[in-house]
């Protein structure tokens, strides 16, 4: 499973990044969080940043042996453009973390799971080595015990109810 993050959407939505002293610090906090999440969950994470006014070309960096990929959009291109392309090219199951309604619809059209920035914060809060004292037990979730097929069926059911 691959997690795709609409980076600045998440930074703007969550207090854990808004309290940073600078925009650069908030970006670094998010990248550090994704490194921790990738290490804990074993999932590939792609973090997409908007830089459409930058004079630099699109930039892509692999971190932690490729477990985390950061992408900065290039001139005339938005993070949304990149995310929509990723939804069509990444193989396997995808979860997209964004509050952007248009991107959520694109994720649904691709049969990807849509998740909110708050759900990303919840994921971060469940990482005991990162956010809790070592003696505090990990919060168990039902989703951690379901097969990919069961998750797919539940997602289909949720979509029918929307």
Protein backbone atom coordinates (compact mmCIF):
# COMPACT_ATOMS: atom_id res chain seq x y z
CA UNK A 1 0.00 0.00 0.00
CA UNK A 2 1.21 3.49 -0.88
CA UNK A 3 0.29 6.59 1.07
CA UNK A 4 0.17 9.86 -0.89
CA UNK A 5 0.14 13.12 1.07
CA UNK A 6 -1.07 16.48 -0.23
CA UNK A 7 1.67 18.11 1.82
CA UNK A 8 0.69 21.75 2.18
CA UNK A 9 -2.96 20.77 2.59
CA UNK A 10 -1.92 18.68 5.60
CA UNK A 11 0.43 21.36 6.95
CA UNK A 12 -2.38 23.93 6.82
CA UNK A 13 -4.93 21.63 8.42
CA UNK A 14 -3.05 20.27 11.44
CA UNK A 15 -1.97 22.13 14.56
CA UNK A 16 1.15 19.97 14.85
CA UNK A 17 2.54 21.83 11.79
CA UNK A 18 0.85 25.23 12.11
CA UNK A 19 2.64 25.88 15.41
CA UNK A 20 6.03 25.63 13.69
CA UNK A 21 8.11 28.80 13.73
CA UNK A 22 8.40 28.91 9.95
CA UNK A 23 6.98 27.35 6.83
CA UNK A 24 10.31 25.59 6.26
CA UNK A 25 10.21 24.12 9.76
CA UNK A 26 6.62 22.88 9.21
CA UNK A 27 7.73 21.19 5.98
CA UNK A 28 10.64 19.51 7.78
CA UNK A 29 8.36 18.34 10.59
CA UNK A 30 6.03 16.75 8.04
CA UNK A 31 8.92 15.02 6.27
CA UNK A 32 10.26 13.72 9.60
CA UNK A 33 6.79 12.43 10.48
CA UNK A 34 6.54 10.59 7.17
CA UNK A 35 9.94 8.98 7.74
CA UNK A 36 8.74 7.73 11.13
CA UNK A 37 5.42 6.53 9.68
CA UNK A 38 7.15 4.70 6.83
CA UNK A 39 9.50 2.98 9.26
CA UNK A 40 6.68 1.95 11.56
CA UNK A 41 4.07 0.91 8.99
CA UNK A 42 6.37 -0.45 6.28
CA UNK A 43 4.40 1.49 3.66
CA UNK A 44 5.80 3.63 0.88
CA UNK A 45 4.90 7.30 1.37
CA UNK A 46 4.88 9.94 -1.35
CA UNK A 47 4.77 13.55 -0.14
CA UNK A 48 3.82 16.10 -2.79
CA UNK A 49 4.60 19.79 -2.27
CA UNK A 50 3.27 22.68 -4.31
CA UNK A 51 5.94 24.92 -5.86
CA UNK A 52 4.28 26.24 -9.06
CA UNK A 53 5.90 29.69 -8.81
CA UNK A 54 9.38 28.30 -8.29
CA UNK A 55 11.90 28.88 -11.03
CA UNK A 56 13.47 25.49 -10.27
CA UNK A 57 12.34 22.43 -12.25
CA UNK A 58 10.32 19.68 -10.63
CA UNK A 59 12.39 18.04 -7.93
CA UNK A 60 12.07 14.54 -6.54
CA UNK A 61 14.03 13.06 -3.63
CA UNK A 62 14.11 9.54 -2.22
CA UNK A 63 14.61 9.23 1.53
CA UNK A 64 15.09 6.24 3.84
CA UNK A 65 16.11 3.94 1.02
CA UNK A 66 13.11 4.92 -1.10
CA UNK A 67 10.48 4.41 1.59
CA UNK A 68 9.63 8.12 1.41
CA UNK A 69 9.59 10.07 -1.82
CA UNK A 70 9.25 13.86 -1.75
CA UNK A 71 8.13 15.65 -4.89
CA UNK A 72 8.17 19.42 -5.40
CA UNK A 73 6.15 20.61 -8.38
CA UNK A 74 7.86 22.63 -11.09
CA UNK A 75 6.91 25.85 -12.88
CA UNK A 76 3.32 25.89 -14.07
CA UNK A 77 2.49 22.60 -12.36
CA UNK A 78 0.61 22.10 -9.12
CA UNK A 79 0.76 19.42 -6.46
CA UNK A 80 -2.79 18.50 -7.51
CA UNK A 81 -1.56 17.79 -11.06
CA UNK A 82 1.17 15.51 -9.75
CA UNK A 83 -1.17 13.74 -7.33
CA UNK A 84 -3.71 13.05 -10.08
CA UNK A 85 -0.95 11.54 -12.24
CA UNK A 86 0.26 9.44 -9.31
CA UNK A 87 -3.26 8.13 -8.75
CA UNK A 88 -3.15 6.79 -12.31
CA UNK A 89 0.41 5.44 -12.31
CA UNK A 90 1.15 4.04 -8.83
CA UNK A 91 0.45 0.33 -8.73
CA UNK A 92 -1.36 -1.35 -5.87
CA UNK A 93 -3.51 0.09 -3.16
CA UNK A 94 -3.33 3.83 -2.51
CA UNK A 95 -4.49 6.00 0.37
CA UNK A 96 -4.59 9.72 -0.38
CA UNK A 97 -4.45 12.12 2.58
CA UNK A 98 -6.04 15.46 1.64
CA UNK A 99 -8.95 17.72 2.49
CA UNK A 100 -9.17 18.86 -1.15
CA UNK A 101 -12.57 17.76 -2.45
CA UNK A 102 -11.48 17.58 -6.12
CA UNK A 103 -8.56 15.31 -5.20
CA UNK A 104 -10.80 13.16 -3.03
CA UNK A 105 -13.10 12.67 -6.02
CA UNK A 106 -10.12 11.79 -8.21
CA UNK A 107 -9.03 9.24 -5.61
CA UNK A 108 -12.49 7.68 -5.55
CA UNK A 109 -12.52 7.48 -9.37
CA UNK A 110 -9.22 5.55 -9.18
CA UNK A 111 -10.60 3.27 -6.43
CA UNK A 112 -8.07 4.69 -3.98
CA UNK A 113 -8.90 5.24 -0.34
CA UNK A 114 -9.39 8.86 0.61
CA UNK A 115 -8.35 10.06 4.04
CA UNK A 116 -8.35 13.41 5.76
CA UNK A 117 -5.42 15.25 7.30
CA UNK A 118 -6.95 14.44 10.70
CA UNK A 119 -6.60 10.73 9.88
CA UNK A 120 -2.91 11.30 9.15
CA UNK A 121 -2.58 12.96 12.57
CA UNK A 122 -4.33 9.93 14.10
CA UNK A 123 -1.82 7.64 12.38
CA UNK A 124 1.04 9.71 13.80
CA UNK A 125 -0.52 9.59 17.28
CA UNK A 126 -0.56 5.78 17.11
CA UNK A 127 3.19 5.50 16.66
CA UNK A 128 4.34 4.79 20.22
CA UNK A 129 8.06 5.23 19.57
CA UNK A 130 7.39 8.62 18.04
CA UNK A 131 4.70 10.31 20.06
CA UNK A 132 4.22 8.38 23.30
CA UNK A 133 6.27 7.13 26.19
CA UNK A 134 7.56 3.59 25.57
CA UNK A 135 5.38 2.25 28.38
CA UNK A 136 2.16 3.45 26.78
CA UNK A 137 0.61 0.65 24.69
CA UNK A 138 -0.11 1.12 21.01
CA UNK A 139 -3.71 1.96 20.25
CA UNK A 140 -5.13 -1.04 18.41
CA UNK A 141 -7.29 -0.46 15.37
CA UNK A 142 -9.62 -2.88 13.65
CA UNK A 143 -8.11 -1.92 10.29
CA UNK A 144 -4.75 -3.35 11.41
CA UNK A 145 -6.32 -6.82 11.54
CA UNK A 146 -8.23 -6.81 8.25
CA UNK A 147 -7.07 -8.37 5.01
CA UNK A 148 -6.63 -6.17 1.93
CA UNK A 149 -9.72 -7.84 0.43
CA UNK A 150 -11.83 -7.03 3.50
CA UNK A 151 -10.60 -3.41 3.38
CA UNK A 152 -11.53 -3.20 -0.30
CA UNK A 153 -15.03 -4.56 0.39
CA UNK A 154 -15.57 -2.13 3.26
CA UNK A 155 -14.44 0.77 1.06
CA UNK A 156 -16.92 -0.30 -1.64
CA UNK A 157 -19.68 -0.42 0.95
CA UNK A 158 -18.72 3.04 2.27
CA UNK A 159 -18.86 4.46 -1.25
CA UNK A 160 -22.34 3.03 -1.80
CA UNK A 161 -23.52 4.74 1.37
CA UNK A 162 -22.04 8.17 0.42
